[in-house]
Amino acid sequence: MQSKIKFPTDALVTISGPAGSGKSHCATSLAELYGVECHSSGSIFRKMASERGISLADFSKIAEKDPRIDKEIDKRTEELAEKGGCILEGRLVSWFSSYRPKLSFYLDAPFGIRAKRIAEREGITDKDAIKKTRAREKSERARYKAIYGLDIADLSVYDFVINTAVWDKDSVVELLKSIVDLYIAKLAAEQGTKHATA
């Protein structure tokens, strides 16, 4: 059921977090509720790996040595952020849209819970999920540090940091929506003030 609150065409909401944090579910759910598009840097990355016929793990290793891959993803992300009127989801979307007003969320959960979610989602053992996730996160930290000088453990760029292990996934979406509704109301009030003083 779509929200009765209209999502402004110039509004931007970004959702970041590590694998298994629930960011993809929350981003797509919010997009459906507001009737707007959801764009994911992860889907771009997966598509690029699929086009090359290689696994995500192998593609991550290639990306460590070839900065053009990350830069292409970031270029597309920036273009989407510039347009606004959407939900952006991905590891660096808040960093690369920092030049424009937005509402940004960072979702997280304890590593063991995230690994278990990944195991269930991908149909692998918990042990394999732990190994795979550790390798992926190590690769991402090294890549982002080498290419951009970013410390992805720095959460100061986010408006809200939420532990998704506290609630079930639908409750997390409900929580995010309540915050987005307040954000939209704030934007509307600011626009009203501008028109009144124009």
Protein backbone atom coordinates (compact mmCIF):
# COMPACT_ATOMS: atom_id res chain seq x y z
CA MET A 1 0.00 0.00 0.00
CA GLN A 2 1.51 3.30 -1.11
CA SER A 3 2.06 6.18 1.27
CA LYS A 4 -0.43 9.04 1.15
CA ILE A 5 2.50 11.42 1.56
CA LYS A 6 3.93 12.53 -1.78
CA PHE A 7 7.68 12.11 -2.21
CA PRO A 8 9.10 15.41 -3.56
CA THR A 9 10.77 15.24 -6.97
CA ASP A 10 13.89 16.91 -5.58
CA ALA A 11 14.10 14.85 -2.38
CA LEU A 12 16.80 12.23 -1.88
CA VAL A 13 17.03 9.44 0.68
CA THR A 14 20.18 7.31 0.92
CA ILE A 15 20.52 3.99 2.72
CA SER A 16 23.93 2.50 3.41
CA GLY A 17 25.31 -0.32 5.51
CA PRO A 18 27.28 -3.57 5.33
CA ALA A 19 26.08 -6.79 3.69
CA GLY A 20 23.26 -8.43 5.60
CA SER A 21 22.17 -5.24 7.33
CA GLY A 22 18.83 -5.19 5.52
CA LYS A 23 19.51 -2.07 3.47
CA SER A 24 18.28 -3.55 0.17
CA HIS A 25 14.98 -4.70 1.67
CA CYS A 26 14.42 -1.35 3.37
CA ALA A 27 15.33 0.67 0.27
CA THR A 28 13.05 -1.29 -2.07
CA SER A 29 10.23 -1.30 0.49
CA LEU A 30 10.41 2.47 0.97
CA ALA A 31 10.53 3.03 -2.78
CA GLU A 32 7.38 0.93 -3.19
CA LEU A 33 5.61 2.77 -0.38
CA TYR A 34 6.34 6.19 -1.89
CA GLY A 35 5.99 5.10 -5.51
CA VAL A 36 9.50 6.20 -6.49
CA GLU A 37 12.49 4.48 -8.03
CA CYS A 38 15.13 2.66 -5.99
CA HIS A 39 18.67 2.59 -7.34
CA SER A 40 21.33 0.27 -5.93
CA SER A 41 25.10 0.51 -6.40
CA GLY A 42 25.23 -3.17 -5.48
CA SER A 43 22.99 -4.11 -8.40
CA ILE A 44 25.26 -2.13 -10.72
CA PHE A 45 28.28 -3.99 -9.32
CA ARG A 46 26.56 -7.38 -9.65
CA LYS A 47 25.49 -6.58 -13.19
CA MET A 48 29.06 -5.69 -14.15
CA ALA A 49 30.31 -8.97 -12.64
CA SER A 50 27.61 -10.93 -14.47
CA GLU A 51 28.48 -9.26 -17.76
CA ARG A 52 32.01 -10.54 -17.32
CA GLY A 53 30.84 -13.99 -16.29
CA ILE A 54 32.70 -14.01 -12.97
CA SER A 55 31.74 -14.32 -9.30
CA LEU A 56 31.29 -11.34 -6.99
CA ALA A 57 34.31 -12.45 -4.95
CA ASP A 58 36.54 -12.57 -8.04
CA PHE A 59 35.15 -9.31 -9.37
CA SER A 60 35.87 -7.65 -6.00
CA LYS A 61 39.51 -8.75 -6.28
CA ILE A 62 39.70 -7.30 -9.79
CA ALA A 63 38.10 -4.07 -8.58
CA GLU A 64 40.83 -3.75 -5.92
CA LYS A 65 43.39 -3.37 -8.72
CA ASP A 66 41.23 -1.54 -11.25
CA PRO A 67 39.81 1.72 -9.83
CA ARG A 68 37.85 2.32 -13.03
CA ILE A 69 35.22 -0.16 -11.82
CA ASP A 70 34.41 1.75 -8.64
CA LYS A 71 34.64 5.08 -10.40
CA GLU A 72 32.11 3.97 -13.00
CA ILE A 73 29.69 2.89 -10.27
CA ASP A 74 30.22 6.17 -8.43
CA LYS A 75 29.69 8.20 -11.59
CA ARG A 76 26.32 6.56 -12.14
CA THR A 77 25.43 7.04 -8.47
CA GLU A 78 26.23 10.75 -8.61
CA GLU A 79 24.10 11.17 -11.72
CA LEU A 80 21.14 9.54 -9.96
CA ALA A 81 21.68 11.65 -6.83
CA GLU A 82 21.71 14.80 -8.94
CA LYS A 83 18.28 13.96 -10.35
CA GLY A 84 16.77 13.28 -6.90
CA GLY A 85 13.24 12.04 -6.34
CA CYS A 86 14.46 8.54 -5.48
CA ILE A 87 15.90 6.16 -2.90
CA LEU A 88 19.62 5.38 -3.32
CA GLU A 89 21.07 2.26 -1.70
CA GLY A 90 24.71 1.23 -1.44
CA ARG A 91 27.92 1.31 0.56
CA LEU A 92 29.10 4.75 -0.58
CA VAL A 93 25.94 6.48 -1.75
CA SER A 94 25.95 8.91 1.18
CA TRP A 95 29.59 9.81 0.62
CA PHE A 96 29.10 10.51 -3.08
CA SER A 97 25.96 12.55 -2.68
CA SER A 98 27.35 14.68 0.16
CA TYR A 99 27.20 17.84 -1.97
CA ARG A 100 23.39 17.90 -2.05
CA PRO A 101 20.69 17.95 0.68
CA LYS A 102 19.36 14.53 1.60
CA LEU A 103 18.28 12.25 4.42
CA SER A 104 20.83 9.51 5.04
CA PHE A 105 20.56 6.24 6.96
CA TYR A 106 23.24 3.75 7.97
CA LEU A 107 21.85 0.32 8.82
CA ASP A 108 23.88 -2.26 10.72
CA ALA A 109 23.58 -5.41 12.85
CA PRO A 110 26.04 -7.63 14.77
CA PHE A 111 28.32 -9.56 12.40
CA GLY A 112 26.95 -12.98 13.38
CA ILE A 113 23.38 -11.93 12.65
CA ARG A 114 24.35 -10.39 9.33
CA ALA A 115 26.25 -13.55 8.33
CA LYS A 116 23.25 -15.71 9.22
CA ARG A 117 20.97 -13.53 7.10
CA ILE A 118 23.38 -13.85 4.18
CA ALA A 119 23.54 -17.63 4.61
CA GLU A 120 19.74 -17.90 4.50
CA ARG A 121 19.47 -15.53 1.54
CA GLU A 122 22.13 -17.26 -0.55
CA GLY A 123 21.44 -20.84 0.56
CA ILE A 124 24.92 -21.46 1.98
CA THR A 125 26.18 -22.60 5.38
CA ASP A 126 26.76 -20.13 8.20
CA LYS A 127 30.46 -21.00 8.07
CA ASP A 128 30.70 -20.20 4.38
CA ALA A 129 28.73 -16.99 4.86
CA ILE A 130 31.10 -15.86 7.61
CA LYS A 131 34.15 -16.57 5.47
CA LYS A 132 32.66 -14.94 2.38
CA THR A 133 31.45 -11.85 4.24
CA ARG A 134 34.76 -11.28 6.01
CA ALA A 135 36.62 -11.52 2.70
CA ARG A 136 34.19 -9.15 0.99
CA GLU A 137 34.34 -6.55 3.74
CA LYS A 138 38.12 -6.71 3.87
CA SER A 139 38.21 -6.18 0.11
CA GLU A 140 35.82 -3.22 0.31
CA ARG A 141 37.75 -1.52 3.13
CA ALA A 142 41.02 -1.83 1.22
CA ARG A 143 39.48 -0.67 -2.06
CA TYR A 144 37.73 2.40 -0.68
CA LYS A 145 40.77 3.42 1.33
CA ALA A 146 43.12 3.05 -1.65
CA ILE A 147 40.90 4.77 -4.21
CA TYR A 148 39.22 7.50 -2.15
CA GLY A 149 41.08 7.64 1.15
CA LEU A 150 37.76 6.88 2.87
CA ASP A 151 37.35 5.15 6.19
CA ILE A 152 33.97 3.47 5.84
CA ALA A 153 33.88 3.00 9.62
CA ASP A 154 33.38 6.78 9.89
CA LEU A 155 29.64 7.19 10.38
CA SER A 156 29.66 10.98 10.79
CA VAL A 157 28.19 11.49 7.28
CA TYR A 158 24.90 9.81 8.26
CA ASP A 159 21.85 11.40 9.84
CA PHE A 160 20.67 8.16 11.48
CA VAL A 161 22.50 4.95 12.45
CA ILE A 162 20.13 2.05 13.14
CA ASN A 163 20.72 -1.45 14.49
CA THR A 164 18.33 -3.60 12.44
CA ALA A 165 18.72 -6.55 14.82
CA VAL A 166 16.51 -4.77 17.36
CA TRP A 167 13.30 -5.13 15.30
CA ASP A 168 11.90 -7.39 12.59
CA LYS A 169 12.42 -6.16 9.02
CA ASP A 170 8.92 -4.76 8.57
CA SER A 171 9.24 -2.76 11.79
CA VAL A 172 12.55 -1.33 10.57
CA VAL A 173 10.84 -0.18 7.36
CA GLU A 174 8.06 1.38 9.43
CA LEU A 175 10.64 3.19 11.55
CA LEU A 176 12.46 4.54 8.50
CA LYS A 177 9.19 5.63 6.90
CA SER A 178 8.20 7.59 9.99
CA ILE A 179 11.51 9.48 9.76
CA VAL A 180 11.18 10.02 6.00
CA ASP A 181 7.65 11.39 6.54
CA LEU A 182 9.07 13.95 8.99
CA TYR A 183 11.82 14.81 6.51
CA ILE A 184 9.27 15.40 3.71
CA ALA A 185 7.18 17.58 6.04
CA LYS A 186 10.30 19.60 6.86
CA LEU A 187 11.05 20.11 3.16
CA ALA A 188 7.46 21.22 2.55
CA ALA A 189 7.64 23.72 5.43
CA GLU A 190 10.92 25.12 4.11
CA GLN A 191 9.46 25.48 0.63
CA GLY A 192 6.43 27.28 2.10
CA THR A 193 8.70 29.67 3.96
CA LYS A 194 10.67 30.43 0.79
CA HIS A 195 7.49 31.19 -1.15
CA ALA A 196 6.17 33.35 1.65
CA THR A 197 9.33 35.46 1.76
CA ALA A 198 9.86 35.60 -2.02
